[in-house]
Amino acid sequence: MSNAFGEKIRALRKEKKLTLEQLAELSGSSKSYIWELENKNPPRPSADKLTKIAEALGTTVDYLMGTSGQQEKADATDIAFFRKYQTMEPDQKEQIRKMLEIIQKK
């Protein structure tokens, strides 16, 4: 039986070139816990751990827990970015907007 949740974590971790240890550190988990999530079926992560893992991977909990495809992965990345943007200081937001304008002019 496939563990889609674990496969998504592993794929995103490898895409970001993170080791088990690095993801564990970024999410406040242990290496063995991350390994279990990637390999055990069914996974049973706490909401807190799941949120931290999703944040470390630049995605959303919805994407990790869902049965979505590539398009939803892109949407989850955008949602995660926007959440970070919302917590920025006004001057940081202005810098991001200016960078976007420069990029769009190319």
PDB file of N, CA and C in Angstrom:
ATOM      1  N   MET A   1       0.841  -1.195   0.000  1.00  0.00           N
ATOM      2  CA  MET A   1       0.000   0.000   0.000  1.00  0.00           C
ATOM      3  C   MET A   1       0.879   1.250   0.000  1.00  0.00           C
ATOM      4  N   SER A   2       0.578   2.198  -0.839  1.00  0.00           N
ATOM      5  CA  SER A   2       1.374   3.397  -1.004  1.00  0.00           C
ATOM      6  C   SER A   2       1.151   4.381   0.146  1.00  0.00           C
ATOM      7  N   ASN A   3       2.197   5.113   0.482  1.00  0.00           N
ATOM      8  CA  ASN A   3       2.128   6.148   1.493  1.00  0.00           C
ATOM      9  C   ASN A   3       2.329   7.488   0.776  1.00  0.00           C
ATOM     10  N   ALA A   4       1.253   8.014   0.194  1.00  0.00           N
ATOM     11  CA  ALA A   4       1.343   9.249  -0.594  1.00  0.00           C
ATOM     12  C   ALA A   4       1.870  10.404   0.246  1.00  0.00           C
ATOM     13  N   PHE A   5       1.473  10.466   1.505  1.00  0.00           N
ATOM     14  CA  PHE A   5       1.934  11.501   2.420  1.00  0.00           C
ATOM     15  C   PHE A   5       3.453  11.449   2.540  1.00  0.00           C
ATOM     16  N   GLY A   6       3.977  10.280   2.826  1.00  0.00           N
ATOM     17  CA  GLY A   6       5.422  10.112   2.971  1.00  0.00           C
ATOM     18  C   GLY A   6       6.165  10.374   1.680  1.00  0.00           C
ATOM     19  N   GLU A   7       5.573   9.965   0.565  1.00  0.00           N
ATOM     20  CA  GLU A   7       6.192  10.196  -0.743  1.00  0.00           C
ATOM     21  C   GLU A   7       6.290  11.688  -1.043  1.00  0.00           C
ATOM     22  N   LYS A   8       5.270  12.448  -0.661  1.00  0.00           N
ATOM     23  CA  LYS A   8       5.298  13.895  -0.878  1.00  0.00           C
ATOM     24  C   LYS A   8       6.384  14.543  -0.034  1.00  0.00           C
ATOM     25  N   ILE A   9       6.482  14.139   1.226  1.00  0.00           N
ATOM     26  CA  ILE A   9       7.525  14.694   2.086  1.00  0.00           C
ATOM     27  C   ILE A   9       8.902  14.382   1.509  1.00  0.00           C
ATOM     28  N   ARG A  10       9.120  13.130   1.140  1.00  0.00           N
ATOM     29  CA  ARG A  10      10.419  12.721   0.591  1.00  0.00           C
ATOM     30  C   ARG A  10      10.735  13.491  -0.691  1.00  0.00           C
ATOM     31  N   ALA A  11       9.756  13.605  -1.593  1.00  0.00           N
ATOM     32  CA  ALA A  11       9.983  14.301  -2.865  1.00  0.00           C
ATOM     33  C   ALA A  11      10.320  15.776  -2.639  1.00  0.00           C
ATOM     34  N   LEU A  12       9.570  16.436  -1.772  1.00  0.00           N
ATOM     35  CA  LEU A  12       9.840  17.850  -1.495  1.00  0.00           C
ATOM     36  C   LEU A  12      11.186  18.024  -0.799  1.00  0.00           C
ATOM     37  N   ARG A  13      11.500  17.123   0.116  1.00  0.00           N
ATOM     38  CA  ARG A  13      12.782  17.187   0.831  1.00  0.00           C
ATOM     39  C   ARG A  13      13.933  17.062  -0.165  1.00  0.00           C
ATOM     40  N   LYS A  14      13.834  16.102  -1.064  1.00  0.00           N
ATOM     41  CA  LYS A  14      14.897  15.898  -2.052  1.00  0.00           C
ATOM     42  C   LYS A  14      14.953  17.051  -3.051  1.00  0.00           C
ATOM     43  N   GLU A  15      13.804  17.574  -3.419  1.00  0.00           N
ATOM     44  CA  GLU A  15      13.740  18.720  -4.338  1.00  0.00           C
ATOM     45  C   GLU A  15      14.474  19.914  -3.745  1.00  0.00           C
ATOM     46  N   LYS A  16      14.357  20.077  -2.434  1.00  0.00           N
ATOM     47  CA  LYS A  16      15.029  21.178  -1.738  1.00  0.00           C
ATOM     48  C   LYS A  16      16.447  20.806  -1.311  1.00  0.00           C
ATOM     49  N   LYS A  17      16.863  19.584  -1.682  1.00  0.00           N
ATOM     50  CA  LYS A  17      18.202  19.075  -1.377  1.00  0.00           C
ATOM     51  C   LYS A  17      18.483  19.068   0.130  1.00  0.00           C
ATOM     52  N   LEU A  18      17.482  18.628   0.881  1.00  0.00           N
ATOM     53  CA  LEU A  18      17.611  18.513   2.332  1.00  0.00           C
ATOM     54  C   LEU A  18      17.823  17.059   2.722  1.00  0.00           C
ATOM     55  N   THR A  19      18.666  16.838   3.693  1.00  0.00           N
ATOM     56  CA  THR A  19      18.813  15.501   4.256  1.00  0.00           C
ATOM     57  C   THR A  19      17.721  15.308   5.299  1.00  0.00           C
ATOM     58  N   LEU A  20      17.577  14.074   5.753  1.00  0.00           N
ATOM     59  CA  LEU A  20      16.637  13.819   6.856  1.00  0.00           C
ATOM     60  C   LEU A  20      16.997  14.678   8.063  1.00  0.00           C
ATOM     61  N   GLU A  21      18.297  14.763   8.359  1.00  0.00           N
ATOM     62  CA  GLU A  21      18.753  15.545   9.521  1.00  0.00           C
ATOM     63  C   GLU A  21      18.397  17.024   9.370  1.00  0.00           C
ATOM     64  N   GLN A  22      18.592  17.560   8.163  1.00  0.00           N
ATOM     65  CA  GLN A  22      18.307  18.975   7.949  1.00  0.00           C
ATOM     66  C   GLN A  22      16.819  19.281   8.084  1.00  0.00           C
ATOM     67  N   LEU A  23      15.977  18.436   7.500  1.00  0.00           N
ATOM     68  CA  LEU A  23      14.535  18.648   7.634  1.00  0.00           C
ATOM     69  C   LEU A  23      14.114  18.494   9.090  1.00  0.00           C
ATOM     70  N   ALA A  24      14.688  17.532   9.770  1.00  0.00           N
ATOM     71  CA  ALA A  24      14.373  17.339  11.191  1.00  0.00           C
ATOM     72  C   ALA A  24      14.716  18.599  11.989  1.00  0.00           C
ATOM     73  N   GLU A  25      15.883  19.163  11.728  1.00  0.00           N
ATOM     74  CA  GLU A  25      16.299  20.360  12.446  1.00  0.00           C
ATOM     75  C   GLU A  25      15.383  21.541  12.134  1.00  0.00           C
ATOM     76  N   LEU A  26      15.071  21.725  10.850  1.00  0.00           N
ATOM     77  CA  LEU A  26      14.207  22.836  10.442  1.00  0.00           C
ATOM     78  C   LEU A  26      12.795  22.728  11.015  1.00  0.00           C
ATOM     79  N   SER A  27      12.340  21.513  11.234  1.00  0.00           N
ATOM     80  CA  SER A  27      10.963  21.322  11.704  1.00  0.00           C
ATOM     81  C   SER A  27      10.867  20.997  13.189  1.00  0.00           C
ATOM     82  N   GLY A  28      12.002  20.987  13.883  1.00  0.00           N
ATOM     83  CA  GLY A  28      11.975  20.687  15.309  1.00  0.00           C
ATOM     84  C   GLY A  28      11.613  19.245  15.603  1.00  0.00           C
ATOM     85  N   SER A  29      12.016  18.353  14.704  1.00  0.00           N
ATOM     86  CA  SER A  29      11.725  16.924  14.839  1.00  0.00           C
ATOM     87  C   SER A  29      13.035  16.155  14.952  1.00  0.00           C
ATOM     88  N   SER A  30      12.917  14.859  15.070  1.00  0.00           N
ATOM     89  CA  SER A  30      14.109  14.012  15.037  1.00  0.00           C
ATOM     90  C   SER A  30      14.234  13.376  13.654  1.00  0.00           C
ATOM     91  N   LYS A  31      15.435  12.958  13.334  1.00  0.00           N
ATOM     92  CA  LYS A  31      15.674  12.292  12.056  1.00  0.00           C
ATOM     93  C   LYS A  31      14.805  11.041  11.937  1.00  0.00           C
ATOM     94  N   SER A  32      14.706  10.285  13.032  1.00  0.00           N
ATOM     95  CA  SER A  32      13.921   9.048  12.991  1.00  0.00           C
ATOM     96  C   SER A  32      12.433   9.342  12.791  1.00  0.00           C
ATOM     97  N   TYR A  33      11.949  10.451  13.337  1.00  0.00           N
ATOM     98  CA  TYR A  33      10.540  10.816  13.165  1.00  0.00           C
ATOM     99  C   TYR A  33      10.246  11.135  11.700  1.00  0.00           C
ATOM    100  N   ILE A  34      11.139  11.914  11.071  1.00  0.00           N
ATOM    101  CA  ILE A  34      10.960  12.238   9.650  1.00  0.00           C
ATOM    102  C   ILE A  34      11.015  10.958   8.830  1.00  0.00           C
ATOM    103  N   TRP A  35      11.955  10.074   9.140  1.00  0.00           N
ATOM    104  CA  TRP A  35      12.060   8.808   8.419  1.00  0.00           C
ATOM    105  C   TRP A  35      10.759   8.014   8.554  1.00  0.00           C
ATOM    106  N   GLU A  36      10.204   7.960   9.759  1.00  0.00           N
ATOM    107  CA  GLU A  36       8.943   7.239   9.973  1.00  0.00           C
ATOM    108  C   GLU A  36       7.809   7.839   9.148  1.00  0.00           C
ATOM    109  N   LEU A  37       7.736   9.156   9.100  1.00  0.00           N
ATOM    110  CA  LEU A  37       6.686   9.798   8.309  1.00  0.00           C
ATOM    111  C   LEU A  37       6.829   9.462   6.829  1.00  0.00           C
ATOM    112  N   GLU A  38       8.063   9.393   6.361  1.00  0.00           N
ATOM    113  CA  GLU A  38       8.293   9.085   4.955  1.00  0.00           C
ATOM    114  C   GLU A  38       8.033   7.619   4.630  1.00  0.00           C
ATOM    115  N   ASN A  39       8.184   6.736   5.607  1.00  0.00           N
ATOM    116  CA  ASN A  39       8.185   5.308   5.307  1.00  0.00           C
ATOM    117  C   ASN A  39       7.083   4.473   5.951  1.00  0.00           C
ATOM    118  N   LYS A  40       6.469   4.935   7.002  1.00  0.00           N
ATOM    119  CA  LYS A  40       5.427   4.153   7.683  1.00  0.00           C
ATOM    120  C   LYS A  40       4.068   4.446   7.064  1.00  0.00           C
ATOM    121  N   ASN A  41       3.187   3.477   7.149  1.00  0.00           N
ATOM    122  CA  ASN A  41       1.844   3.647   6.606  1.00  0.00           C
ATOM    123  C   ASN A  41       0.840   3.124   7.609  1.00  0.00           C
ATOM    124  N   PRO A  42      -0.130   3.831   8.070  1.00  0.00           N
ATOM    125  CA  PRO A  42      -0.386   5.241   7.790  1.00  0.00           C
ATOM    126  C   PRO A  42       0.407   6.142   8.732  1.00  0.00           C
ATOM    127  N   PRO A  43       0.762   7.347   8.281  1.00  0.00           N
ATOM    128  CA  PRO A  43       1.475   8.283   9.153  1.00  0.00           C
ATOM    129  C   PRO A  43       0.516   8.859  10.193  1.00  0.00           C
ATOM    130  N   ARG A  44       1.041   9.218  11.325  1.00  0.00           N
ATOM    131  CA  ARG A  44       0.215   9.803  12.386  1.00  0.00           C
ATOM    132  C   ARG A  44       0.912  11.032  12.988  1.00  0.00           C
ATOM    133  N   PRO A  45       1.148  12.042  12.180  1.00  0.00           N
ATOM    134  CA  PRO A  45       1.832  13.230  12.704  1.00  0.00           C
ATOM    135  C   PRO A  45       0.884  14.109  13.514  1.00  0.00           C
ATOM    136  N   SER A  46       1.449  14.808  14.488  1.00  0.00           N
ATOM    137  CA  SER A  46       0.643  15.783  15.229  1.00  0.00           C
ATOM    138  C   SER A  46       0.439  17.000  14.331  1.00  0.00           C
ATOM    139  N   ALA A  47      -0.569  17.769  14.605  1.00  0.00           N
ATOM    140  CA  ALA A  47      -0.858  18.971  13.812  1.00  0.00           C
ATOM    141  C   ALA A  47       0.304  19.952  13.885  1.00  0.00           C
ATOM    142  N   ASP A  48       0.907  20.084  15.068  1.00  0.00           N
ATOM    143  CA  ASP A  48       2.030  20.999  15.246  1.00  0.00           C
ATOM    144  C   ASP A  48       3.220  20.569  14.397  1.00  0.00           C
ATOM    145  N   LYS A  49       3.584  19.297  14.450  1.00  0.00           N
ATOM    146  CA  LYS A  49       4.715  18.784  13.671  1.00  0.00           C
ATOM    147  C   LYS A  49       4.439  18.912  12.180  1.00  0.00           C
ATOM    148  N   LEU A  50       3.229  18.587  11.781  1.00  0.00           N
ATOM    149  CA  LEU A  50       2.857  18.655  10.373  1.00  0.00           C
ATOM    150  C   LEU A  50       2.982  20.083   9.851  1.00  0.00           C
ATOM    151  N   THR A  51       2.538  21.048  10.637  1.00  0.00           N
ATOM    152  CA  THR A  51       2.639  22.453  10.253  1.00  0.00           C
ATOM    153  C   THR A  51       4.093  22.868  10.090  1.00  0.00           C
ATOM    154  N   LYS A  52       4.945  22.463  11.023  1.00  0.00           N
ATOM    155  CA  LYS A  52       6.362  22.827  10.958  1.00  0.00           C
ATOM    156  C   LYS A  52       7.059  22.163   9.773  1.00  0.00           C
ATOM    157  N   ILE A  53       6.712  20.935   9.481  1.00  0.00           N
ATOM    158  CA  ILE A  53       7.298  20.233   8.333  1.00  0.00           C
ATOM    159  C   ILE A  53       6.869  20.904   7.032  1.00  0.00           C
ATOM    160  N   ALA A  54       5.588  21.213   6.917  1.00  0.00           N
ATOM    161  CA  ALA A  54       5.087  21.883   5.714  1.00  0.00           C
ATOM    162  C   ALA A  54       5.788  23.221   5.521  1.00  0.00           C
ATOM    163  N   GLU A  55       5.943  23.970   6.591  1.00  0.00           N
ATOM    164  CA  GLU A  55       6.618  25.267   6.517  1.00  0.00           C
ATOM    165  C   GLU A  55       8.068  25.095   6.077  1.00  0.00           C
ATOM    166  N   ALA A  56       8.758  24.120   6.642  1.00  0.00           N
ATOM    167  CA  ALA A  56      10.158  23.867   6.274  1.00  0.00           C
ATOM    168  C   ALA A  56      10.294  23.463   4.811  1.00  0.00           C
ATOM    169  N   LEU A  57       9.273  22.817   4.276  1.00  0.00           N
ATOM    170  CA  LEU A  57       9.303  22.365   2.888  1.00  0.00           C
ATOM    171  C   LEU A  57       8.706  23.394   1.920  1.00  0.00           C
ATOM    172  N   GLY A  58       8.208  24.506   2.452  1.00  0.00           N
ATOM    173  CA  GLY A  58       7.645  25.551   1.609  1.00  0.00           C
ATOM    174  C   GLY A  58       6.335  25.167   0.960  1.00  0.00           C
ATOM    175  N   THR A  59       5.511  24.430   1.688  1.00  0.00           N
ATOM    176  CA  THR A  59       4.227  24.001   1.158  1.00  0.00           C
ATOM    177  C   THR A  59       3.167  24.150   2.239  1.00  0.00           C
ATOM    178  N   THR A  60       2.017  23.567   2.012  1.00  0.00           N
ATOM    179  CA  THR A  60       0.928  23.639   2.984  1.00  0.00           C
ATOM    180  C   THR A  60       0.605  22.252   3.524  1.00  0.00           C
ATOM    181  N   VAL A  61      -0.034  22.235   4.669  1.00  0.00           N
ATOM    182  CA  VAL A  61      -0.504  20.980   5.255  1.00  0.00           C
ATOM    183  C   VAL A  61      -1.513  20.325   4.318  1.00  0.00           C
ATOM    184  N   ASP A  62      -2.361  21.133   3.706  1.00  0.00           N
ATOM    185  CA  ASP A  62      -3.364  20.599   2.776  1.00  0.00           C
ATOM    186  C   ASP A  62      -2.710  19.794   1.659  1.00  0.00           C
ATOM    187  N   TYR A  63      -1.630  20.314   1.100  1.00  0.00           N
ATOM    188  CA  TYR A  63      -0.946  19.597   0.024  1.00  0.00           C
ATOM    189  C   TYR A  63      -0.384  18.271   0.540  1.00  0.00           C
ATOM    190  N   LEU A  64       0.275  18.309   1.698  1.00  0.00           N
ATOM    191  CA  LEU A  64       0.876  17.078   2.235  1.00  0.00           C
ATOM    192  C   LEU A  64      -0.168  16.019   2.544  1.00  0.00           C
ATOM    193  N   MET A  65      -1.307  16.427   3.064  1.00  0.00           N
ATOM    194  CA  MET A  65      -2.321  15.463   3.483  1.00  0.00           C
ATOM    195  C   MET A  65      -3.264  15.060   2.355  1.00  0.00           C
ATOM    196  N   GLY A  66      -3.334  15.877   1.304  1.00  0.00           N
ATOM    197  CA  GLY A  66      -4.249  15.608   0.210  1.00  0.00           C
ATOM    198  C   GLY A  66      -3.710  14.567  -0.752  1.00  0.00           C
ATOM    199  N   THR A  67      -4.509  14.285  -1.752  1.00  0.00           N
ATOM    200  CA  THR A  67      -4.113  13.334  -2.790  1.00  0.00           C
ATOM    201  C   THR A  67      -3.963  14.076  -4.101  1.00  0.00           C
ATOM    202  N   SER A  68      -3.388  15.263  -4.010  1.00  0.00           N
ATOM    203  CA  SER A  68      -3.335  16.152  -5.150  1.00  0.00           C
ATOM    204  C   SER A  68      -2.167  15.872  -6.075  1.00  0.00           C
ATOM    205  N   GLY A  69      -2.219  16.530  -7.209  1.00  0.00           N
ATOM    206  CA  GLY A  69      -1.184  16.370  -8.204  1.00  0.00           C
ATOM    207  C   GLY A  69      -0.272  17.572  -8.284  1.00  0.00           C
ATOM    208  N   GLN A  70       0.426  17.696  -9.406  1.00  0.00           N
ATOM    209  CA  GLN A  70       1.431  18.733  -9.596  1.00  0.00           C
ATOM    210  C   GLN A  70       0.844  20.136  -9.515  1.00  0.00           C
ATOM    211  N   GLN A  71      -0.331  20.375 -10.107  1.00  0.00           N
ATOM    212  CA  GLN A  71      -0.912  21.714 -10.078  1.00  0.00           C
ATOM    213  C   GLN A  71      -1.183  22.151  -8.645  1.00  0.00           C
ATOM    214  N   GLU A  72      -1.710  21.250  -7.832  1.00  0.00           N
ATOM    215  CA  GLU A  72      -1.985  21.617  -6.447  1.00  0.00           C
ATOM    216  C   GLU A  72      -0.694  21.875  -5.686  1.00  0.00           C
ATOM    217  N   LYS A  73       0.382  21.191  -6.064  1.00  0.00           N
ATOM    218  CA  LYS A  73       1.681  21.447  -5.442  1.00  0.00           C
ATOM    219  C   LYS A  73       2.096  22.884  -5.709  1.00  0.00           C
ATOM    220  N   ALA A  74       1.938  23.337  -6.940  1.00  0.00           N
ATOM    221  CA  ALA A  74       2.270  24.720  -7.287  1.00  0.00           C
ATOM    222  C   ALA A  74       1.391  25.678  -6.509  1.00  0.00           C
ATOM    223  N   ASP A  75       0.109  25.395  -6.407  1.00  0.00           N
ATOM    224  CA  ASP A  75      -0.804  26.226  -5.637  1.00  0.00           C
ATOM    225  C   ASP A  75      -0.389  26.277  -4.172  1.00  0.00           C
ATOM    226  N   ALA A  76       0.023  25.147  -3.617  1.00  0.00           N
ATOM    227  CA  ALA A  76       0.444  25.089  -2.218  1.00  0.00           C
ATOM    228  C   ALA A  76       1.696  25.928  -1.995  1.00  0.00           C
ATOM    229  N   THR A  77       2.608  25.922  -2.951  1.00  0.00           N
ATOM    230  CA  THR A  77       3.817  26.732  -2.852  1.00  0.00           C
ATOM    231  C   THR A  77       3.455  28.208  -2.861  1.00  0.00           C
ATOM    232  N   ASP A  78       2.524  28.595  -3.723  1.00  0.00           N
ATOM    233  CA  ASP A  78       2.081  29.985  -3.771  1.00  0.00           C
ATOM    234  C   ASP A  78       1.404  30.396  -2.460  1.00  0.00           C
ATOM    235  N   ILE A  79       0.581  29.530  -1.923  1.00  0.00           N
ATOM    236  CA  ILE A  79      -0.109  29.819  -0.662  1.00  0.00           C
ATOM    237  C   ILE A  79       0.906  29.991   0.466  1.00  0.00           C
ATOM    238  N   ALA A  80       1.907  29.106   0.516  1.00  0.00           N
ATOM    239  CA  ALA A  80       2.935  29.204   1.550  1.00  0.00           C
ATOM    240  C   ALA A  80       3.711  30.513   1.415  1.00  0.00           C
ATOM    241  N   PHE A  81       4.033  30.893   0.173  1.00  0.00           N
ATOM    242  CA  PHE A  81       4.725  32.163  -0.067  1.00  0.00           C
ATOM    243  C   PHE A  81       3.874  33.336   0.418  1.00  0.00           C
ATOM    244  N   PHE A  82       2.594  33.324   0.070  1.00  0.00           N
ATOM    245  CA  PHE A  82       1.725  34.431   0.451  1.00  0.00           C
ATOM    246  C   PHE A  82       1.594  34.539   1.976  1.00  0.00           C
ATOM    247  N   ARG A  83       1.554  33.407   2.649  1.00  0.00           N
ATOM    248  CA  ARG A  83       1.490  33.448   4.123  1.00  0.00           C
ATOM    249  C   ARG A  83       2.735  34.115   4.694  1.00  0.00           C
ATOM    250  N   LYS A  84       3.895  33.812   4.137  1.00  0.00           N
ATOM    251  CA  LYS A  84       5.131  34.461   4.590  1.00  0.00           C
ATOM    252  C   LYS A  84       5.073  35.954   4.286  1.00  0.00           C
ATOM    253  N   TYR A  85       4.598  36.283   3.095  1.00  0.00           N
ATOM    254  CA  TYR A  85       4.486  37.687   2.684  1.00  0.00           C
ATOM    255  C   TYR A  85       3.607  38.468   3.659  1.00  0.00           C
ATOM    256  N   GLN A  86       2.511  37.870   4.072  1.00  0.00           N
ATOM    257  CA  GLN A  86       1.584  38.557   4.976  1.00  0.00           C
ATOM    258  C   GLN A  86       2.212  38.906   6.317  1.00  0.00           C
ATOM    259  N   THR A  87       3.221  38.175   6.737  1.00  0.00           N
ATOM    260  CA  THR A  87       3.846  38.440   8.038  1.00  0.00           C
ATOM    261  C   THR A  87       5.023  39.406   7.947  1.00  0.00           C
ATOM    262  N   MET A  88       5.358  39.857   6.732  1.00  0.00           N
ATOM    263  CA  MET A  88       6.488  40.766   6.548  1.00  0.00           C
ATOM    264  C   MET A  88       6.137  42.176   6.998  1.00  0.00           C
ATOM    265  N   GLU A  89       7.196  42.913   7.297  1.00  0.00           N
ATOM    266  CA  GLU A  89       7.049  44.327   7.628  1.00  0.00           C
ATOM    267  C   GLU A  89       6.681  45.087   6.348  1.00  0.00           C
ATOM    268  N   PRO A  90       6.033  46.242   6.473  1.00  0.00           N
ATOM    269  CA  PRO A  90       5.620  47.004   5.285  1.00  0.00           C
ATOM    270  C   PRO A  90       6.772  47.322   4.330  1.00  0.00           C
ATOM    271  N   ASP A  91       7.947  47.659   4.857  1.00  0.00           N
ATOM    272  CA  ASP A  91       9.072  47.978   3.963  1.00  0.00           C
ATOM    273  C   ASP A  91       9.555  46.733   3.203  1.00  0.00           C
ATOM    274  N   GLN A  92       9.473  45.566   3.819  1.00  0.00           N
ATOM    275  CA  GLN A  92       9.835  44.330   3.134  1.00  0.00           C
ATOM    276  C   GLN A  92       8.830  44.029   2.018  1.00  0.00           C
ATOM    277  N   LYS A  93       7.560  44.244   2.306  1.00  0.00           N
ATOM    278  CA  LYS A  93       6.527  44.029   1.281  1.00  0.00           C
ATOM    279  C   LYS A  93       6.760  44.955   0.091  1.00  0.00           C
ATOM    280  N   GLU A  94       7.115  46.194   0.367  1.00  0.00           N
ATOM    281  CA  GLU A  94       7.365  47.145  -0.704  1.00  0.00           C
ATOM    282  C   GLU A  94       8.551  46.692  -1.561  1.00  0.00           C
ATOM    283  N   GLN A  95       9.581  46.161  -0.939  1.00  0.00           N
ATOM    284  CA  GLN A  95      10.734  45.650  -1.696  1.00  0.00           C
ATOM    285  C   GLN A  95      10.322  44.491  -2.604  1.00  0.00           C
ATOM    286  N   ILE A  96       9.494  43.605  -2.095  1.00  0.00           N
ATOM    287  CA  ILE A  96       9.014  42.466  -2.889  1.00  0.00           C
ATOM    288  C   ILE A  96       8.201  42.975  -4.081  1.00  0.00           C
ATOM    289  N   ARG A  97       7.331  43.942  -3.842  1.00  0.00           N
ATOM    290  CA  ARG A  97       6.512  44.485  -4.930  1.00  0.00           C
ATOM    291  C   ARG A  97       7.387  45.135  -6.007  1.00  0.00           C
ATOM    292  N   LYS A  98       8.424  45.864  -5.591  1.00  0.00           N
ATOM    293  CA  LYS A  98       9.324  46.500  -6.557  1.00  0.00           C
ATOM    294  C   LYS A  98      10.087  45.434  -7.361  1.00  0.00           C
ATOM    295  N   MET A  99      10.534  44.388  -6.697  1.00  0.00           N
ATOM    296  CA  MET A  99      11.239  43.315  -7.401  1.00  0.00           C
ATOM    297  C   MET A  99      10.318  42.656  -8.417  1.00  0.00           C
ATOM    298  N   LEU A 100       9.067  42.461  -8.052  1.00  0.00           N
ATOM    299  CA  LEU A 100       8.101  41.861  -8.966  1.00  0.00           C
ATOM    300  C   LEU A 100       7.888  42.740 -10.193  1.00  0.00           C
ATOM    301  N   GLU A 101       7.792  44.028  -9.984  1.00  0.00           N
ATOM    302  CA  GLU A 101       7.634  44.941 -11.117  1.00  0.00           C
ATOM    303  C   GLU A 101       8.820  44.846 -12.071  1.00  0.00           C
ATOM    304  N   ILE A 102      10.022  44.769 -11.528  1.00  0.00           N
ATOM    305  CA  ILE A 102      11.231  44.651 -12.346  1.00  0.00           C
ATOM    306  C   ILE A 102      11.203  43.342 -13.132  1.00  0.00           C
ATOM    307  N   ILE A 103      10.844  42.278 -12.479  1.00  0.00           N
ATOM    308  CA  ILE A 103      10.793  40.962 -13.132  1.00  0.00           C
ATOM    309  C   ILE A 103       9.747  40.947 -14.245  1.00  0.00           C
ATOM    310  N   GLN A 104       8.606  41.543 -14.005  1.00  0.00           N
ATOM    311  CA  GLN A 104       7.527  41.538 -14.994  1.00  0.00           C
ATOM    312  C   GLN A 104       7.857  42.385 -16.224  1.00  0.00           C
ATOM    313  N   LYS A 105       8.739  43.362 -16.085  1.00  0.00           N
ATOM    314  CA  LYS A 105       9.108  44.217 -17.216  1.00  0.00           C
ATOM    315  C   LYS A 105      10.020  43.509 -18.200  1.00  0.00           C
ATOM    316  N   LYS A 106      10.665  42.448 -17.784  1.00  0.00           N
ATOM    317  CA  LYS A 106      11.605  41.733 -18.669  1.00  0.00           C
ATOM    318  C   LYS A 106      10.899  40.991 -19.751  1.00  0.00           C
TER     319      LYS A 106
END
